[in-house]
Structure formats: C-alpha cells, structure tokens
Amino acid sequence: SKQCGLLLTRPWRWHDGMQLLLVMGSFFAAMILVAQIMDRCCIILSDNAERALMLLETVLMQVVAIAAIEHLRRRHRQTHMECFSKPLPSLARTLGTGVVFYLAMMPPIIAAALGSNLVLRFFNIPGESQDMLRGFADPAAPLWFRGYLIILAVVFAPIVEELIFRGIALPIAARRSSPVTAVVVVSLLFALVHGHLPALAPLFTVGVCLSLGYICSGSVIVPMTMHALFNGINLMLFYLCYDAITPL
C-alpha cells in the first residue's frame, strides 16, 4: 500500500491527461490528413521515400510528446524526480532492478502469447506481425532504416511510452480509482494504442507488468528498462527467427 501511495504523490491531475491526449490526438489527426491528401493527389512514393516519411513522422511524434510532457512538468514547477521517481540509490542499481523485473515478467507474457495464439487459431484469425516489423525483416530494407527502427524500439518508444502511460496516466487513474483498477485501465489503453488486435492479450500483460514494475520500484526508469529489454530482445528474435512476440 505504501508503494501504491507513491502514485498519489505525483503532481498529475486529470486535466494534464486531457491536455496531453489533445496534443497527441491532434498530431495523429494531422498525420491522417496528410495521408489522405497524398492519396487524393495520387502521390506515390518509392519504398525508400515511404521509409523516410515514416522516420520523419515517428521522430516528430516523439518530439511532440516530450515537449508536451515537459510543458506540463514546468507548469507544475516540479523536478523530474518529483514527477516520475522517488530518490534513487544509484542508477546502476535501478537499471539492475529493471533487468530483474524484465526476467520476472517474461513467464506470464509468454503464457499470454501462447494462449492468445490458441484463441486466434481456434477462430481462424490470422496472427500477422506489425507492418513495422515486417519492414525491419525485409531483406531490401536499407541499413539506416533498420538502425533507426532499433533506436526507436530500444530508446524512443520505452522513454516516451513509459512517461505517458506509467509516469502520467497511471497516477491520474490511481487518483480516481483503486490501484488495481488503475493498472487494468492503463494497461488496456496501452495495448489498444498499439492497434494490433492479434497481440492484444500479450500487450495487456506487458502493460500490467510494466505498471507493477513502476509501482514496486517507485521509479519510471525501471519500466523503461523493462520495456527497452523487451523490445530489443524481441526485435532481434524476430529478425533471426521471423517468429517472436511483437515488440511494442
């Protein structure tokens, strides 16, 4: 209960979440509008041009998200530590805690993935991989594109997604409900945002484990480490085996 109580010490309120949602929603709406304009104008890009456009969009998304979070933090006039973490014994120890939690979360995630595959096969639902993963495994993909996807999966995505979902959304949800309900709701949103129905159950399980890692450690660096390890290792496995749990 003491660890759960740390969530309530964070400065975030529901209006912070609404403003962040508005900013990110506006960004996604702008991307959809650009795609529709290109489609109506019959603009056809080469494969490398499409990859460059995807790189630009994802970089801009990370920049917009970080800028919005930093704006909210400055408005509360609190430090990053006050907003996202309790005092750390040391960075090395915190990273080590993240590694331990990563190892602990793998059995339930594997179980969820196996169960999900059984359900998909029973209902004859194709379990396709995400387009980004298929692009990474494409032999024609240039080295710069693969390198960027690795950086995105191991650095950008863990930092931005954990700040949003565990760092901000989880404390907001905990203020308005029980810790259990908050974890379930935020983890479900985390899974849905990825927009990949075949991986919904495993992604939900990942979200629960990341939330528990944040609650138990009190530091958002722990779920960031877990997230980075999960994405990086599974991206490597996908490239080598073409059959791994979908990175986030």
C-alpha atoms as a PDB file:
ATOM      1  CA  SER A   1       0.000   0.000   0.000  1.00  0.00           C
ATOM      2  CA  LYS A   2       2.928   2.337   0.718  1.00  0.00           C
ATOM      3  CA  GLN A   3       4.288   1.822  -2.797  1.00  0.00           C
ATOM      4  CA  CYS A   4       0.845   2.416  -4.306  1.00  0.00           C
ATOM      5  CA  GLY A   5       0.638   5.573  -2.213  1.00  0.00           C
ATOM      6  CA  LEU A   6       3.653   6.941  -4.095  1.00  0.00           C
ATOM      7  CA  LEU A   7       1.427   7.287  -7.155  1.00  0.00           C
ATOM      8  CA  LEU A   8      -0.696   9.817  -5.278  1.00  0.00           C
ATOM      9  CA  THR A   9       2.336  11.996  -4.556  1.00  0.00           C
ATOM     10  CA  ARG A  10       2.813  12.692  -8.269  1.00  0.00           C
ATOM     11  CA  PRO A  11       1.544  16.101  -9.393  1.00  0.00           C
ATOM     12  CA  TRP A  12      -0.514  14.860 -12.322  1.00  0.00           C
ATOM     13  CA  ARG A  13      -4.247  15.584 -12.500  1.00  0.00           C
ATOM     14  CA  TRP A  14      -6.968  14.647 -14.964  1.00  0.00           C
ATOM     15  CA  HIS A  15      -6.659  17.947 -16.877  1.00  0.00           C
ATOM     16  CA  ASP A  16      -2.971  17.151 -17.524  1.00  0.00           C
ATOM     17  CA  GLY A  17      -4.029  13.876 -19.107  1.00  0.00           C
ATOM     18  CA  MET A  18      -6.704  15.597 -21.190  1.00  0.00           C
ATOM     19  CA  GLN A  19      -4.242  18.189 -22.483  1.00  0.00           C
ATOM     20  CA  LEU A  20      -1.675  15.523 -23.353  1.00  0.00           C
ATOM     21  CA  LEU A  21      -4.394  13.491 -25.084  1.00  0.00           C
ATOM     22  CA  LEU A  22      -5.466  16.578 -27.050  1.00  0.00           C
ATOM     23  CA  VAL A  23      -1.921  17.304 -28.208  1.00  0.00           C
ATOM     24  CA  MET A  24      -1.185  13.734 -29.286  1.00  0.00           C
ATOM     25  CA  GLY A  25      -4.637  13.312 -30.817  1.00  0.00           C
ATOM     26  CA  SER A  26      -4.115  16.471 -32.880  1.00  0.00           C
ATOM     27  CA  PHE A  27      -0.773  15.147 -34.077  1.00  0.00           C
ATOM     28  CA  PHE A  28      -2.265  11.822 -35.188  1.00  0.00           C
ATOM     29  CA  ALA A  29      -5.158  13.643 -36.880  1.00  0.00           C
ATOM     30  CA  ALA A  30      -2.635  15.764 -38.789  1.00  0.00           C
ATOM     31  CA  MET A  31      -0.794  12.627 -39.953  1.00  0.00           C
ATOM     32  CA  ILE A  32      -4.062  11.070 -41.132  1.00  0.00           C
ATOM     33  CA  LEU A  33      -4.923  14.277 -43.000  1.00  0.00           C
ATOM     34  CA  VAL A  34      -1.553  14.325 -44.739  1.00  0.00           C
ATOM     35  CA  ALA A  35      -2.006  10.679 -45.773  1.00  0.00           C
ATOM     36  CA  GLN A  36      -5.470  11.429 -47.201  1.00  0.00           C
ATOM     37  CA  ILE A  37      -4.177  14.449 -49.111  1.00  0.00           C
ATOM     38  CA  MET A  38      -1.373  12.371 -50.611  1.00  0.00           C
ATOM     39  CA  ASP A  39      -3.858   9.664 -51.542  1.00  0.00           C
ATOM     40  CA  ARG A  40      -6.275  12.108 -53.201  1.00  0.00           C
ATOM     41  CA  CYS A  41      -3.439  13.770 -55.070  1.00  0.00           C
ATOM     42  CA  CYS A  42      -2.285  10.320 -56.234  1.00  0.00           C
ATOM     43  CA  ILE A  43       1.171  10.872 -54.782  1.00  0.00           C
ATOM     44  CA  ILE A  44       3.050   7.582 -54.943  1.00  0.00           C
ATOM     45  CA  LEU A  45       6.307   7.347 -53.003  1.00  0.00           C
ATOM     46  CA  SER A  46       9.159   4.972 -53.585  1.00  0.00           C
ATOM     47  CA  ASP A  47       9.953   2.403 -50.910  1.00  0.00           C
ATOM     48  CA  ASN A  48      12.830   4.468 -49.536  1.00  0.00           C
ATOM     49  CA  ALA A  49      10.709   7.638 -49.600  1.00  0.00           C
ATOM     50  CA  GLU A  50       7.996   5.838 -47.590  1.00  0.00           C
ATOM     51  CA  ARG A  51      10.609   4.701 -45.085  1.00  0.00           C
ATOM     52  CA  ALA A  52      11.962   8.253 -44.791  1.00  0.00           C
ATOM     53  CA  LEU A  53       8.426   9.598 -44.276  1.00  0.00           C
ATOM     54  CA  MET A  54       7.778   7.041 -41.538  1.00  0.00           C
ATOM     55  CA  LEU A  55      11.054   8.033 -39.874  1.00  0.00           C
ATOM     56  CA  LEU A  56      10.074  11.711 -40.002  1.00  0.00           C
ATOM     57  CA  GLU A  57       6.592  11.046 -38.588  1.00  0.00           C
ATOM     58  CA  THR A  58       7.822   8.936 -35.679  1.00  0.00           C
ATOM     59  CA  VAL A  59      10.607  11.387 -34.812  1.00  0.00           C
ATOM     60  CA  LEU A  60       8.130  14.262 -34.816  1.00  0.00           C
ATOM     61  CA  MET A  61       5.761  12.224 -32.639  1.00  0.00           C
ATOM     62  CA  GLN A  62       8.465  11.639 -30.019  1.00  0.00           C
ATOM     63  CA  VAL A  63       9.455  15.320 -30.069  1.00  0.00           C
ATOM     64  CA  VAL A  64       5.857  16.499 -29.703  1.00  0.00           C
ATOM     65  CA  ALA A  65       5.217  14.074 -26.836  1.00  0.00           C
ATOM     66  CA  ILE A  66       8.371  15.041 -24.924  1.00  0.00           C
ATOM     67  CA  ALA A  67       7.709  18.749 -25.462  1.00  0.00           C
ATOM     68  CA  ALA A  68       4.133  18.387 -24.183  1.00  0.00           C
ATOM     69  CA  ILE A  69       5.264  16.430 -21.101  1.00  0.00           C
ATOM     70  CA  GLU A  70       7.986  18.960 -20.348  1.00  0.00           C
ATOM     71  CA  HIS A  71       5.470  21.812 -20.669  1.00  0.00           C
ATOM     72  CA  LEU A  72       3.163  20.119 -18.152  1.00  0.00           C
ATOM     73  CA  ARG A  73       6.061  19.478 -15.767  1.00  0.00           C
ATOM     74  CA  ARG A  74       7.205  23.097 -15.888  1.00  0.00           C
ATOM     75  CA  ARG A  75       3.680  24.288 -15.259  1.00  0.00           C
ATOM     76  CA  HIS A  76       3.611  22.242 -12.040  1.00  0.00           C
ATOM     77  CA  ARG A  77       7.039  23.709 -11.137  1.00  0.00           C
ATOM     78  CA  GLN A  78       8.388  20.361 -10.001  1.00  0.00           C
ATOM     79  CA  THR A  79      11.553  18.451 -10.821  1.00  0.00           C
ATOM     80  CA  HIS A  80      11.693  15.350 -12.982  1.00  0.00           C
ATOM     81  CA  MET A  81      12.348  13.338  -9.815  1.00  0.00           C
ATOM     82  CA  GLU A  82       9.236  14.696  -8.129  1.00  0.00           C
ATOM     83  CA  CYS A  83       7.157  13.932 -11.203  1.00  0.00           C
ATOM     84  CA  PHE A  84       8.402  10.471 -12.110  1.00  0.00           C
ATOM     85  CA  SER A  85      10.586   8.855  -9.466  1.00  0.00           C
ATOM     86  CA  LYS A  86      11.428   8.543  -5.814  1.00  0.00           C
ATOM     87  CA  PRO A  87      15.068   9.236  -4.814  1.00  0.00           C
ATOM     88  CA  LEU A  88      17.292   6.596  -6.419  1.00  0.00           C
ATOM     89  CA  PRO A  89      20.012   4.683  -4.548  1.00  0.00           C
ATOM     90  CA  SER A  90      22.051   4.632  -7.760  1.00  0.00           C
ATOM     91  CA  LEU A  91      21.377   4.493 -11.483  1.00  0.00           C
ATOM     92  CA  ALA A  92      23.179   1.141 -11.801  1.00  0.00           C
ATOM     93  CA  ARG A  93      21.048  -0.415  -9.081  1.00  0.00           C
ATOM     94  CA  THR A  94      17.865   0.964 -10.642  1.00  0.00           C
ATOM     95  CA  LEU A  95      18.818  -0.459 -14.045  1.00  0.00           C
ATOM     96  CA  GLY A  96      19.597  -3.775 -12.353  1.00  0.00           C
ATOM     97  CA  THR A  97      16.145  -3.746 -10.792  1.00  0.00           C
ATOM     98  CA  GLY A  98      14.706  -3.229 -14.261  1.00  0.00           C
ATOM     99  CA  VAL A  99      16.582  -6.291 -15.535  1.00  0.00           C
ATOM    100  CA  VAL A 100      15.250  -8.412 -12.653  1.00  0.00           C
ATOM    101  CA  PHE A 101      11.688  -7.257 -13.298  1.00  0.00           C
ATOM    102  CA  TYR A 102      12.130  -7.968 -17.008  1.00  0.00           C
ATOM    103  CA  LEU A 103      13.115 -11.562 -16.272  1.00  0.00           C
ATOM    104  CA  ALA A 104      10.184 -11.910 -13.869  1.00  0.00           C
ATOM    105  CA  MET A 105       7.649 -10.619 -16.399  1.00  0.00           C
ATOM    106  CA  MET A 106       8.599 -12.986 -19.216  1.00  0.00           C
ATOM    107  CA  PRO A 107       6.783 -16.159 -17.962  1.00  0.00           C
ATOM    108  CA  PRO A 108       3.330 -14.506 -17.758  1.00  0.00           C
ATOM    109  CA  ILE A 109       3.899 -12.748 -21.090  1.00  0.00           C
ATOM    110  CA  ILE A 110       4.885 -15.993 -22.798  1.00  0.00           C
ATOM    111  CA  ALA A 111       1.832 -17.689 -21.287  1.00  0.00           C
ATOM    112  CA  ALA A 112      -0.400 -14.851 -22.539  1.00  0.00           C
ATOM    113  CA  ALA A 113       1.143 -15.070 -26.014  1.00  0.00           C
ATOM    114  CA  LEU A 114       0.623 -18.840 -26.196  1.00  0.00           C
ATOM    115  CA  GLY A 115      -2.969 -18.510 -25.003  1.00  0.00           C
ATOM    116  CA  SER A 116      -3.624 -15.739 -27.490  1.00  0.00           C
ATOM    117  CA  ASN A 117      -2.234 -17.837 -30.358  1.00  0.00           C
ATOM    118  CA  LEU A 118      -4.514 -20.731 -29.401  1.00  0.00           C
ATOM    119  CA  VAL A 119      -7.553 -18.444 -29.428  1.00  0.00           C
ATOM    120  CA  LEU A 120      -6.574 -16.930 -32.779  1.00  0.00           C
ATOM    121  CA  ARG A 121      -6.139 -20.368 -34.330  1.00  0.00           C
ATOM    122  CA  PHE A 122      -9.450 -21.589 -32.894  1.00  0.00           C
ATOM    123  CA  PHE A 123     -11.306 -18.686 -34.539  1.00  0.00           C
ATOM    124  CA  ASN A 124      -9.134 -18.794 -37.689  1.00  0.00           C
ATOM    125  CA  ILE A 125      -7.897 -15.253 -37.134  1.00  0.00           C
ATOM    126  CA  PRO A 126      -4.577 -14.568 -38.879  1.00  0.00           C
ATOM    127  CA  GLY A 127      -1.830 -13.622 -36.422  1.00  0.00           C
ATOM    128  CA  GLU A 128       0.078 -11.205 -38.630  1.00  0.00           C
ATOM    129  CA  SER A 129       3.037  -9.204 -37.444  1.00  0.00           C
ATOM    130  CA  GLN A 130       3.059  -5.424 -37.401  1.00  0.00           C
ATOM    131  CA  ASP A 131       3.962  -3.637 -40.645  1.00  0.00           C
ATOM    132  CA  MET A 132       6.984  -2.067 -38.960  1.00  0.00           C
ATOM    133  CA  LEU A 133       8.344  -5.491 -38.016  1.00  0.00           C
ATOM    134  CA  ARG A 134       7.867  -6.845 -41.499  1.00  0.00           C
ATOM    135  CA  GLY A 135       9.650  -3.773 -42.810  1.00  0.00           C
ATOM    136  CA  PHE A 136      12.540  -4.428 -40.445  1.00  0.00           C
ATOM    137  CA  ALA A 137      12.829  -8.050 -41.603  1.00  0.00           C
ATOM    138  CA  ASP A 138      12.555  -7.082 -45.289  1.00  0.00           C
ATOM    139  CA  PRO A 139      15.864  -8.012 -46.973  1.00  0.00           C
ATOM    140  CA  ALA A 140      15.524  -4.914 -49.158  1.00  0.00           C
ATOM    141  CA  ALA A 141      15.369  -2.574 -46.161  1.00  0.00           C
ATOM    142  CA  PRO A 142      18.443  -0.295 -46.075  1.00  0.00           C
ATOM    143  CA  LEU A 143      20.787  -0.345 -43.106  1.00  0.00           C
ATOM    144  CA  TRP A 144      19.869   3.202 -41.999  1.00  0.00           C
ATOM    145  CA  PHE A 145      16.196   2.198 -41.756  1.00  0.00           C
ATOM    146  CA  ARG A 146      16.903  -0.886 -39.674  1.00  0.00           C
ATOM    147  CA  GLY A 147      19.215   1.099 -37.449  1.00  0.00           C
ATOM    148  CA  TYR A 148      16.511   3.677 -36.866  1.00  0.00           C
ATOM    149  CA  LEU A 149      13.918   1.018 -36.001  1.00  0.00           C
ATOM    150  CA  ILE A 150      16.314  -0.424 -33.424  1.00  0.00           C
ATOM    151  CA  ILE A 151      16.805   3.013 -31.849  1.00  0.00           C
ATOM    152  CA  LEU A 152      13.044   3.594 -31.929  1.00  0.00           C
ATOM    153  CA  ALA A 153      12.293   0.260 -30.231  1.00  0.00           C
ATOM    154  CA  VAL A 154      15.063   0.392 -27.621  1.00  0.00           C
ATOM    155  CA  VAL A 155      15.299   4.112 -26.821  1.00  0.00           C
ATOM    156  CA  PHE A 156      12.489   6.373 -28.055  1.00  0.00           C
ATOM    157  CA  ALA A 157       9.454   4.129 -27.528  1.00  0.00           C
ATOM    158  CA  PRO A 158      10.374   2.989 -23.980  1.00  0.00           C
ATOM    159  CA  ILE A 159      11.095   6.540 -22.815  1.00  0.00           C
ATOM    160  CA  VAL A 160       8.047   8.257 -24.334  1.00  0.00           C
ATOM    161  CA  GLU A 161       5.524   5.480 -23.708  1.00  0.00           C
ATOM    162  CA  GLU A 162       6.585   4.937 -20.113  1.00  0.00           C
ATOM    163  CA  LEU A 163       6.470   8.650 -19.325  1.00  0.00           C
ATOM    164  CA  ILE A 164       2.947   8.807 -20.747  1.00  0.00           C
ATOM    165  CA  PHE A 165       1.399   5.548 -19.529  1.00  0.00           C
ATOM    166  CA  ARG A 166       3.227   4.766 -16.292  1.00  0.00           C
ATOM    167  CA  GLY A 167       4.576   8.196 -15.410  1.00  0.00           C
ATOM    168  CA  ILE A 168       1.406  10.234 -16.015  1.00  0.00           C
ATOM    169  CA  ALA A 169      -1.634   8.090 -16.860  1.00  0.00           C
ATOM    170  CA  LEU A 170      -1.194   5.585 -14.014  1.00  0.00           C
ATOM    171  CA  PRO A 171      -1.050   8.206 -11.205  1.00  0.00           C
ATOM    172  CA  ILE A 172      -4.044  10.016 -12.729  1.00  0.00           C
ATOM    173  CA  ALA A 173      -6.060   6.791 -12.851  1.00  0.00           C
ATOM    174  CA  ALA A 174      -4.992   5.874  -9.310  1.00  0.00           C
ATOM    175  CA  ARG A 175      -6.379   9.169  -8.009  1.00  0.00           C
ATOM    176  CA  ARG A 176      -9.817   8.382  -9.403  1.00  0.00           C
ATOM    177  CA  SER A 177      -9.988   4.635  -8.664  1.00  0.00           C
ATOM    178  CA  SER A 178      -8.257   1.796  -6.822  1.00  0.00           C
ATOM    179  CA  PRO A 179      -4.656   0.862  -7.762  1.00  0.00           C
ATOM    180  CA  VAL A 180      -5.865  -2.428  -9.272  1.00  0.00           C
ATOM    181  CA  THR A 181      -8.423  -0.678 -11.469  1.00  0.00           C
ATOM    182  CA  ALA A 182      -5.839   1.918 -12.464  1.00  0.00           C
ATOM    183  CA  VAL A 183      -3.372  -0.777 -13.558  1.00  0.00           C
ATOM    184  CA  VAL A 184      -6.038  -2.618 -15.557  1.00  0.00           C
ATOM    185  CA  VAL A 185      -7.357   0.508 -17.299  1.00  0.00           C
ATOM    186  CA  VAL A 186      -3.932   1.924 -18.162  1.00  0.00           C
ATOM    187  CA  SER A 187      -2.666  -1.469 -19.355  1.00  0.00           C
ATOM    188  CA  LEU A 188      -5.714  -1.919 -21.568  1.00  0.00           C
ATOM    189  CA  LEU A 189      -5.221   1.547 -23.077  1.00  0.00           C
ATOM    190  CA  PHE A 190      -1.540   0.711 -23.575  1.00  0.00           C
ATOM    191  CA  ALA A 191      -2.498  -2.428 -25.521  1.00  0.00           C
ATOM    192  CA  LEU A 192      -5.212  -0.729 -27.589  1.00  0.00           C
ATOM    193  CA  VAL A 193      -2.994   2.218 -28.609  1.00  0.00           C
ATOM    194  CA  HIS A 194      -0.661  -0.170 -30.393  1.00  0.00           C
ATOM    195  CA  GLY A 195      -3.516  -1.047 -32.748  1.00  0.00           C
ATOM    196  CA  HIS A 196      -2.573  -4.697 -33.199  1.00  0.00           C
ATOM    197  CA  LEU A 197      -5.519  -6.942 -32.292  1.00  0.00           C
ATOM    198  CA  PRO A 198      -3.675 -10.313 -32.516  1.00  0.00           C
ATOM    199  CA  ALA A 199      -1.251  -9.126 -29.804  1.00  0.00           C
ATOM    200  CA  LEU A 200      -3.867  -7.521 -27.548  1.00  0.00           C
ATOM    201  CA  ALA A 201      -3.594 -10.079 -24.711  1.00  0.00           C
ATOM    202  CA  PRO A 202       0.229 -10.182 -24.615  1.00  0.00           C
ATOM    203  CA  LEU A 203       0.426  -6.378 -24.823  1.00  0.00           C
ATOM    204  CA  PHE A 204      -2.080  -6.053 -21.983  1.00  0.00           C
ATOM    205  CA  THR A 205       0.062  -8.424 -19.903  1.00  0.00           C
ATOM    206  CA  VAL A 206       3.153  -6.393 -20.735  1.00  0.00           C
ATOM    207  CA  GLY A 207       1.329  -3.257 -19.620  1.00  0.00           C
ATOM    208  CA  VAL A 208       0.378  -4.852 -16.298  1.00  0.00           C
ATOM    209  CA  CYS A 209       3.972  -5.971 -15.671  1.00  0.00           C
ATOM    210  CA  LEU A 210       5.382  -2.545 -16.531  1.00  0.00           C
ATOM    211  CA  SER A 211       2.845  -0.896 -14.218  1.00  0.00           C
ATOM    212  CA  LEU A 212       3.765  -3.243 -11.380  1.00  0.00           C
ATOM    213  CA  GLY A 213       7.436  -2.517 -12.017  1.00  0.00           C
ATOM    214  CA  TYR A 214       6.756   1.197 -11.634  1.00  0.00           C
ATOM    215  CA  ILE A 215       4.619   0.774  -8.511  1.00  0.00           C
ATOM    216  CA  CYS A 216       7.052  -1.579  -6.772  1.00  0.00           C
ATOM    217  CA  SER A 217      10.189   0.416  -7.585  1.00  0.00           C
ATOM    218  CA  GLY A 218       8.786   3.944  -7.475  1.00  0.00           C
ATOM    219  CA  SER A 219      10.969   4.890 -10.443  1.00  0.00           C
ATOM    220  CA  VAL A 220       9.856   5.197 -14.058  1.00  0.00           C
ATOM    221  CA  ILE A 221      13.395   4.168 -15.074  1.00  0.00           C
ATOM    222  CA  VAL A 222      12.551   0.582 -14.075  1.00  0.00           C
ATOM    223  CA  PRO A 223       9.664   0.098 -16.552  1.00  0.00           C
ATOM    224  CA  MET A 224      11.721   1.983 -19.158  1.00  0.00           C
ATOM    225  CA  THR A 225      14.478  -0.605 -18.718  1.00  0.00           C
ATOM    226  CA  MET A 226      11.991  -3.478 -18.848  1.00  0.00           C
ATOM    227  CA  HIS A 227      10.389  -2.001 -21.964  1.00  0.00           C
ATOM    228  CA  ALA A 228      13.728  -1.463 -23.724  1.00  0.00           C
ATOM    229  CA  LEU A 229      14.901  -5.010 -22.999  1.00  0.00           C
ATOM    230  CA  PHE A 230      11.603  -6.488 -24.127  1.00  0.00           C
ATOM    231  CA  ASN A 231      11.577  -4.557 -27.399  1.00  0.00           C
ATOM    232  CA  GLY A 232      15.261  -5.017 -28.165  1.00  0.00           C
ATOM    233  CA  ILE A 233      15.420  -8.749 -27.479  1.00  0.00           C
ATOM    234  CA  ASN A 234      12.170  -9.488 -29.332  1.00  0.00           C
ATOM    235  CA  LEU A 235      13.211  -7.349 -32.278  1.00  0.00           C
ATOM    236  CA  MET A 236      16.418  -9.371 -32.506  1.00  0.00           C
ATOM    237  CA  LEU A 237      14.476 -12.638 -32.228  1.00  0.00           C
ATOM    238  CA  PHE A 238      12.045 -11.515 -34.911  1.00  0.00           C
ATOM    239  CA  TYR A 239      14.907 -10.680 -37.249  1.00  0.00           C
ATOM    240  CA  LEU A 240      16.620 -14.001 -36.615  1.00  0.00           C
ATOM    241  CA  CYS A 241      13.577 -16.259 -36.443  1.00  0.00           C
ATOM    242  CA  TYR A 242      10.762 -14.237 -38.056  1.00  0.00           C
ATOM    243  CA  ASP A 243       8.564 -15.517 -35.207  1.00  0.00           C
ATOM    244  CA  ALA A 244       8.692 -13.667 -31.890  1.00  0.00           C
ATOM    245  CA  ILE A 245       6.430 -11.728 -29.568  1.00  0.00           C
ATOM    246  CA  THR A 246       5.592  -8.376 -31.121  1.00  0.00           C
ATOM    247  CA  PRO A 247       7.739  -5.523 -29.800  1.00  0.00           C
ATOM    248  CA  LEU A 248       5.763  -2.553 -28.511  1.00  0.00           C
END
